[in-house]
């Protein structure tokens, strides 16, 4: 799985990655490898997030965080917690409604016309 990481993550093959990582997760659980299970859940969260499945990503990240804390992987737990924070920030930014954002009228959108000194009105 590690050899395919760049192909999956950077190459945009996220759906394929989800399938492969799900099989990897099942294998980790069968073997009782909790550390790899946590890593795989974090990777599944990343892929689900890239596919726009934020609730599924949150579920994976929360499971990964619990396992990483359980096995004492403090640094990895921080990475997963950071991924959760990023997911929350992205969801908060996307939930803003367009009406809540400031709008610019078309006449204000274009820059003002430049006036040369001889074109300016003089105060009398």
Foldseek 3Di string as FASTA:
>chain_A
DVVCVCCQVVVVVLVVVLVVLVVVLVVCVVVVVLLVNLVSLQVNLVSCVVVVNLVSSLVSLVSSLVSCVVVPVVVVNVVSVVVNVVSVVVVVVVPDDPVVDDDDDPVRVDDDDDDDPVRDDDDD
